[in-house]
Amino acid sequence: MIAASLNAYVILSAILFAIGFLGVLLRKNTLVMFMCLELMLVAATLGLVAFSRYNGTMDGNVFVFFILTVAAAEVAVGLAIIVALFRKRQTVQVDELNALKN
């Protein structure tokens, strides 16, 4: 069995984060933007776990546990907001959502 090095995990984490970042910048659908934000969060947790394993400590793993706990609450609140926006405006496109209009 070949073990992956720290560089491989950091590169994978950076690629996932970049994909999520570009998705947030370029997409117009709130659901896709929300998924890209979650992808960025997963990339950060992957980096924390990789460095935690490399250093031989549990610090990164503890942070990941709390991050995933907060992410679960974030998903529930975020999806509820998106559903409420869809019910009111009948769209999830960012261009058509304007808080100043009724």
N, C-alpha and C. Protein backbone atom coordinates (compact mmCIF):
# COMPACT_ATOMS: atom_id res chain seq x y z
N MET A 1 0.85 -1.19 0.00
CA MET A 1 0.00 0.00 0.00
C MET A 1 0.88 1.24 0.00
N ILE A 2 0.62 2.16 -0.91
CA ILE A 2 1.40 3.38 -1.02
C ILE A 2 0.65 4.50 -0.29
N ALA A 3 1.33 5.11 0.66
CA ALA A 3 0.72 6.20 1.42
C ALA A 3 0.93 7.52 0.68
N ALA A 4 -0.08 8.33 0.64
CA ALA A 4 0.02 9.64 0.00
C ALA A 4 0.77 10.59 0.92
N SER A 5 1.53 11.48 0.32
CA SER A 5 2.31 12.43 1.11
C SER A 5 1.45 13.63 1.49
N LEU A 6 2.01 14.44 2.35
CA LEU A 6 1.33 15.66 2.77
C LEU A 6 1.09 16.57 1.58
N ASN A 7 2.05 16.64 0.67
CA ASN A 7 1.90 17.50 -0.51
C ASN A 7 0.68 17.12 -1.34
N ALA A 8 0.43 15.84 -1.48
CA ALA A 8 -0.73 15.40 -2.26
C ALA A 8 -2.03 15.87 -1.62
N TYR A 9 -2.12 15.78 -0.31
CA TYR A 9 -3.33 16.23 0.37
C TYR A 9 -3.50 17.75 0.29
N VAL A 10 -2.40 18.46 0.43
CA VAL A 10 -2.48 19.93 0.35
C VAL A 10 -2.85 20.37 -1.06
N ILE A 11 -2.30 19.72 -2.07
CA ILE A 11 -2.64 20.05 -3.45
C ILE A 11 -4.11 19.74 -3.73
N LEU A 12 -4.58 18.58 -3.27
CA LEU A 12 -5.99 18.23 -3.44
C LEU A 12 -6.89 19.22 -2.72
N SER A 13 -6.51 19.60 -1.53
CA SER A 13 -7.29 20.58 -0.77
C SER A 13 -7.33 21.92 -1.50
N ALA A 14 -6.21 22.35 -2.05
CA ALA A 14 -6.16 23.62 -2.79
C ALA A 14 -7.00 23.56 -4.05
N ILE A 15 -6.96 22.43 -4.75
CA ILE A 15 -7.77 22.29 -5.97
C ILE A 15 -9.25 22.32 -5.63
N LEU A 16 -9.66 21.60 -4.59
CA LEU A 16 -11.07 21.61 -4.20
C LEU A 16 -11.52 23.01 -3.78
N PHE A 17 -10.65 23.70 -3.04
CA PHE A 17 -10.99 25.06 -2.60
C PHE A 17 -11.12 25.99 -3.80
N ALA A 18 -10.21 25.86 -4.77
CA ALA A 18 -10.26 26.72 -5.96
C ALA A 18 -11.52 26.45 -6.77
N ILE A 19 -11.90 25.18 -6.91
CA ILE A 19 -13.14 24.85 -7.63
C ILE A 19 -14.34 25.46 -6.93
N GLY A 20 -14.38 25.35 -5.61
CA GLY A 20 -15.49 25.94 -4.86
C GLY A 20 -15.51 27.45 -4.97
N PHE A 21 -14.34 28.08 -4.91
CA PHE A 21 -14.25 29.54 -5.00
C PHE A 21 -14.71 30.03 -6.36
N LEU A 22 -14.25 29.37 -7.41
CA LEU A 22 -14.67 29.75 -8.76
C LEU A 22 -16.16 29.50 -8.95
N GLY A 23 -16.68 28.43 -8.36
CA GLY A 23 -18.11 28.16 -8.45
C GLY A 23 -18.94 29.25 -7.81
N VAL A 24 -18.49 29.76 -6.67
CA VAL A 24 -19.22 30.85 -6.00
C VAL A 24 -19.17 32.12 -6.85
N LEU A 25 -18.01 32.38 -7.45
CA LEU A 25 -17.88 33.60 -8.25
C LEU A 25 -18.64 33.54 -9.57
N LEU A 26 -18.67 32.39 -10.21
CA LEU A 26 -19.17 32.30 -11.57
C LEU A 26 -20.63 31.85 -11.69
N ARG A 27 -21.15 31.14 -10.72
CA ARG A 27 -22.51 30.60 -10.83
C ARG A 27 -23.55 31.62 -10.40
N LYS A 28 -24.74 31.50 -10.95
CA LYS A 28 -25.84 32.41 -10.63
C LYS A 28 -26.95 31.74 -9.83
N ASN A 29 -26.88 30.43 -9.66
CA ASN A 29 -27.91 29.68 -8.94
C ASN A 29 -27.52 29.60 -7.47
N THR A 30 -28.42 29.97 -6.57
CA THR A 30 -28.08 29.99 -5.15
C THR A 30 -27.78 28.59 -4.61
N LEU A 31 -28.46 27.57 -5.13
CA LEU A 31 -28.18 26.21 -4.67
C LEU A 31 -26.78 25.77 -5.06
N VAL A 32 -26.36 26.07 -6.27
CA VAL A 32 -25.02 25.72 -6.72
C VAL A 32 -23.97 26.51 -5.94
N MET A 33 -24.25 27.77 -5.67
CA MET A 33 -23.33 28.58 -4.88
C MET A 33 -23.20 28.01 -3.47
N PHE A 34 -24.31 27.56 -2.92
CA PHE A 34 -24.31 26.97 -1.58
C PHE A 34 -23.47 25.69 -1.57
N MET A 35 -23.61 24.86 -2.61
CA MET A 35 -22.81 23.64 -2.70
C MET A 35 -21.33 23.96 -2.86
N CYS A 36 -21.01 25.01 -3.59
CA CYS A 36 -19.61 25.41 -3.75
C CYS A 36 -19.03 25.91 -2.44
N LEU A 37 -19.82 26.60 -1.65
CA LEU A 37 -19.36 27.01 -0.31
C LEU A 37 -19.08 25.80 0.56
N GLU A 38 -19.93 24.80 0.47
CA GLU A 38 -19.70 23.57 1.23
C GLU A 38 -18.44 22.85 0.74
N LEU A 39 -18.18 22.90 -0.56
CA LEU A 39 -16.96 22.30 -1.10
C LEU A 39 -15.73 23.00 -0.57
N MET A 40 -15.80 24.32 -0.43
CA MET A 40 -14.69 25.07 0.16
C MET A 40 -14.48 24.67 1.61
N LEU A 41 -15.55 24.45 2.33
CA LEU A 41 -15.46 24.02 3.72
C LEU A 41 -14.83 22.64 3.84
N VAL A 42 -15.20 21.74 2.95
CA VAL A 42 -14.62 20.40 2.94
C VAL A 42 -13.13 20.46 2.61
N ALA A 43 -12.75 21.34 1.70
CA ALA A 43 -11.34 21.50 1.35
C ALA A 43 -10.54 21.97 2.55
N ALA A 44 -11.09 22.89 3.31
CA ALA A 44 -10.40 23.38 4.51
C ALA A 44 -10.26 22.27 5.55
N THR A 45 -11.30 21.47 5.72
CA THR A 45 -11.22 20.39 6.69
C THR A 45 -10.23 19.32 6.25
N LEU A 46 -10.15 19.07 4.95
CA LEU A 46 -9.16 18.11 4.44
C LEU A 46 -7.75 18.59 4.75
N GLY A 47 -7.50 19.86 4.57
CA GLY A 47 -6.19 20.42 4.92
C GLY A 47 -5.89 20.30 6.40
N LEU A 48 -6.89 20.57 7.23
CA LEU A 48 -6.68 20.45 8.68
C LEU A 48 -6.35 19.01 9.08
N VAL A 49 -7.06 18.06 8.52
CA VAL A 49 -6.80 16.65 8.85
C VAL A 49 -5.44 16.22 8.35
N ALA A 50 -5.04 16.68 7.17
CA ALA A 50 -3.73 16.32 6.62
C ALA A 50 -2.61 16.84 7.50
N PHE A 51 -2.69 18.11 7.90
CA PHE A 51 -1.65 18.67 8.76
C PHE A 51 -1.68 18.05 10.15
N SER A 52 -2.86 17.71 10.63
CA SER A 52 -2.96 17.05 11.93
C SER A 52 -2.28 15.69 11.92
N ARG A 53 -2.51 14.95 10.85
CA ARG A 53 -1.86 13.64 10.73
C ARG A 53 -0.35 13.77 10.55
N TYR A 54 0.06 14.77 9.78
CA TYR A 54 1.49 15.00 9.54
C TYR A 54 2.21 15.36 10.85
N ASN A 55 1.57 16.18 11.68
CA ASN A 55 2.19 16.59 12.95
C ASN A 55 1.99 15.57 14.05
N GLY A 56 1.14 14.60 13.86
CA GLY A 56 0.91 13.58 14.87
C GLY A 56 0.10 14.05 16.06
N THR A 57 -0.73 15.06 15.84
CA THR A 57 -1.58 15.58 16.91
C THR A 57 -3.05 15.40 16.55
N MET A 58 -3.91 15.63 17.49
CA MET A 58 -5.34 15.52 17.26
C MET A 58 -6.00 16.89 17.13
N ASP A 59 -5.22 17.96 17.12
CA ASP A 59 -5.78 19.31 17.09
C ASP A 59 -6.63 19.54 15.85
N GLY A 60 -6.13 19.19 14.69
CA GLY A 60 -6.89 19.37 13.45
C GLY A 60 -8.16 18.56 13.43
N ASN A 61 -8.10 17.35 13.97
CA ASN A 61 -9.29 16.50 14.00
C ASN A 61 -10.37 17.08 14.90
N VAL A 62 -9.97 17.70 15.99
CA VAL A 62 -10.94 18.34 16.89
C VAL A 62 -11.59 19.52 16.18
N PHE A 63 -10.78 20.32 15.47
CA PHE A 63 -11.33 21.44 14.71
C PHE A 63 -12.32 20.94 13.65
N VAL A 64 -11.98 19.86 12.98
CA VAL A 64 -12.86 19.30 11.95
C VAL A 64 -14.18 18.86 12.56
N PHE A 65 -14.14 18.27 13.73
CA PHE A 65 -15.38 17.85 14.40
C PHE A 65 -16.29 19.05 14.64
N PHE A 66 -15.74 20.15 15.12
CA PHE A 66 -16.55 21.34 15.36
C PHE A 66 -16.99 22.00 14.06
N ILE A 67 -16.14 21.99 13.05
CA ILE A 67 -16.50 22.57 11.76
C ILE A 67 -17.66 21.81 11.14
N LEU A 68 -17.62 20.48 11.20
CA LEU A 68 -18.71 19.69 10.62
C LEU A 68 -20.01 19.87 11.40
N THR A 69 -19.90 20.08 12.71
CA THR A 69 -21.09 20.34 13.52
C THR A 69 -21.73 21.66 13.11
N VAL A 70 -20.91 22.68 12.96
CA VAL A 70 -21.42 23.99 12.54
C VAL A 70 -21.94 23.92 11.10
N ALA A 71 -21.28 23.13 10.25
CA ALA A 71 -21.71 23.00 8.85
C ALA A 71 -23.10 22.36 8.76
N ALA A 72 -23.39 21.42 9.63
CA ALA A 72 -24.71 20.80 9.63
C ALA A 72 -25.79 21.82 9.95
N ALA A 73 -25.53 22.68 10.92
CA ALA A 73 -26.48 23.74 11.25
C ALA A 73 -26.58 24.75 10.12
N GLU A 74 -25.44 25.04 9.49
CA GLU A 74 -25.42 25.98 8.37
C GLU A 74 -26.25 25.47 7.20
N VAL A 75 -26.16 24.19 6.93
CA VAL A 75 -26.94 23.60 5.84
C VAL A 75 -28.43 23.72 6.13
N ALA A 76 -28.82 23.44 7.34
CA ALA A 76 -30.24 23.53 7.69
C ALA A 76 -30.76 24.95 7.54
N VAL A 77 -30.03 25.92 8.06
CA VAL A 77 -30.47 27.32 7.97
C VAL A 77 -30.39 27.83 6.54
N GLY A 78 -29.31 27.51 5.85
CA GLY A 78 -29.13 27.97 4.48
C GLY A 78 -30.19 27.44 3.54
N LEU A 79 -30.49 26.16 3.63
CA LEU A 79 -31.53 25.59 2.78
C LEU A 79 -32.90 26.15 3.12
N ALA A 80 -33.15 26.42 4.39
CA ALA A 80 -34.43 27.02 4.77
C ALA A 80 -34.56 28.43 4.17
N ILE A 81 -33.49 29.18 4.16
CA ILE A 81 -33.52 30.52 3.55
C ILE A 81 -33.74 30.42 2.05
N ILE A 82 -33.06 29.48 1.41
CA ILE A 82 -33.22 29.32 -0.04
C ILE A 82 -34.65 28.90 -0.38
N VAL A 83 -35.22 28.00 0.40
CA VAL A 83 -36.61 27.57 0.16
C VAL A 83 -37.56 28.74 0.37
N ALA A 84 -37.33 29.54 1.41
CA ALA A 84 -38.19 30.70 1.66
C ALA A 84 -38.09 31.71 0.52
N LEU A 85 -36.87 31.94 0.01
CA LEU A 85 -36.71 32.84 -1.14
C LEU A 85 -37.42 32.30 -2.37
N PHE A 86 -37.33 30.99 -2.58
CA PHE A 86 -37.98 30.40 -3.74
C PHE A 86 -39.50 30.52 -3.63
N ARG A 87 -40.03 30.31 -2.45
CA ARG A 87 -41.49 30.42 -2.28
C ARG A 87 -41.98 31.84 -2.51
N LYS A 88 -41.17 32.81 -2.11
CA LYS A 88 -41.59 34.20 -2.26
C LYS A 88 -41.39 34.72 -3.68
N ARG A 89 -40.25 34.38 -4.31
CA ARG A 89 -39.90 34.95 -5.62
C ARG A 89 -40.05 33.97 -6.79
N GLN A 90 -40.23 32.69 -6.53
CA GLN A 90 -40.37 31.66 -7.56
C GLN A 90 -39.11 31.50 -8.41
N THR A 91 -37.95 31.82 -7.85
CA THR A 91 -36.68 31.63 -8.55
C THR A 91 -35.56 31.51 -7.52
N VAL A 92 -34.48 30.86 -7.95
CA VAL A 92 -33.29 30.78 -7.11
C VAL A 92 -32.09 31.40 -7.81
N GLN A 93 -32.34 32.12 -8.91
CA GLN A 93 -31.27 32.80 -9.63
C GLN A 93 -30.89 34.08 -8.90
N VAL A 94 -29.60 34.28 -8.69
CA VAL A 94 -29.11 35.42 -7.91
C VAL A 94 -29.44 36.74 -8.61
N ASP A 95 -29.38 36.76 -9.94
CA ASP A 95 -29.66 37.99 -10.68
C ASP A 95 -31.08 38.49 -10.48
N GLU A 96 -32.00 37.57 -10.27
CA GLU A 96 -33.40 37.95 -10.15
C GLU A 96 -33.82 38.20 -8.71
N LEU A 97 -32.95 37.90 -7.76
CA LEU A 97 -33.25 38.15 -6.34
C LEU A 97 -32.73 39.53 -5.97
N ASN A 98 -33.64 40.41 -5.58
CA ASN A 98 -33.26 41.74 -5.18
C ASN A 98 -34.03 42.06 -3.91
N ALA A 99 -33.32 42.33 -2.83
CA ALA A 99 -33.96 42.52 -1.54
C ALA A 99 -34.76 43.82 -1.48
N LEU A 100 -34.51 44.77 -2.38
CA LEU A 100 -35.22 46.04 -2.33
C LEU A 100 -36.57 46.00 -3.03
N LYS A 101 -36.80 44.98 -3.84
CA LYS A 101 -38.08 44.85 -4.52
C LYS A 101 -39.01 43.96 -3.72
N ASN A 102 -40.33 44.13 -3.91
CA ASN A 102 -41.30 43.30 -3.21
C ASN A 102 -41.53 42.00 -3.93
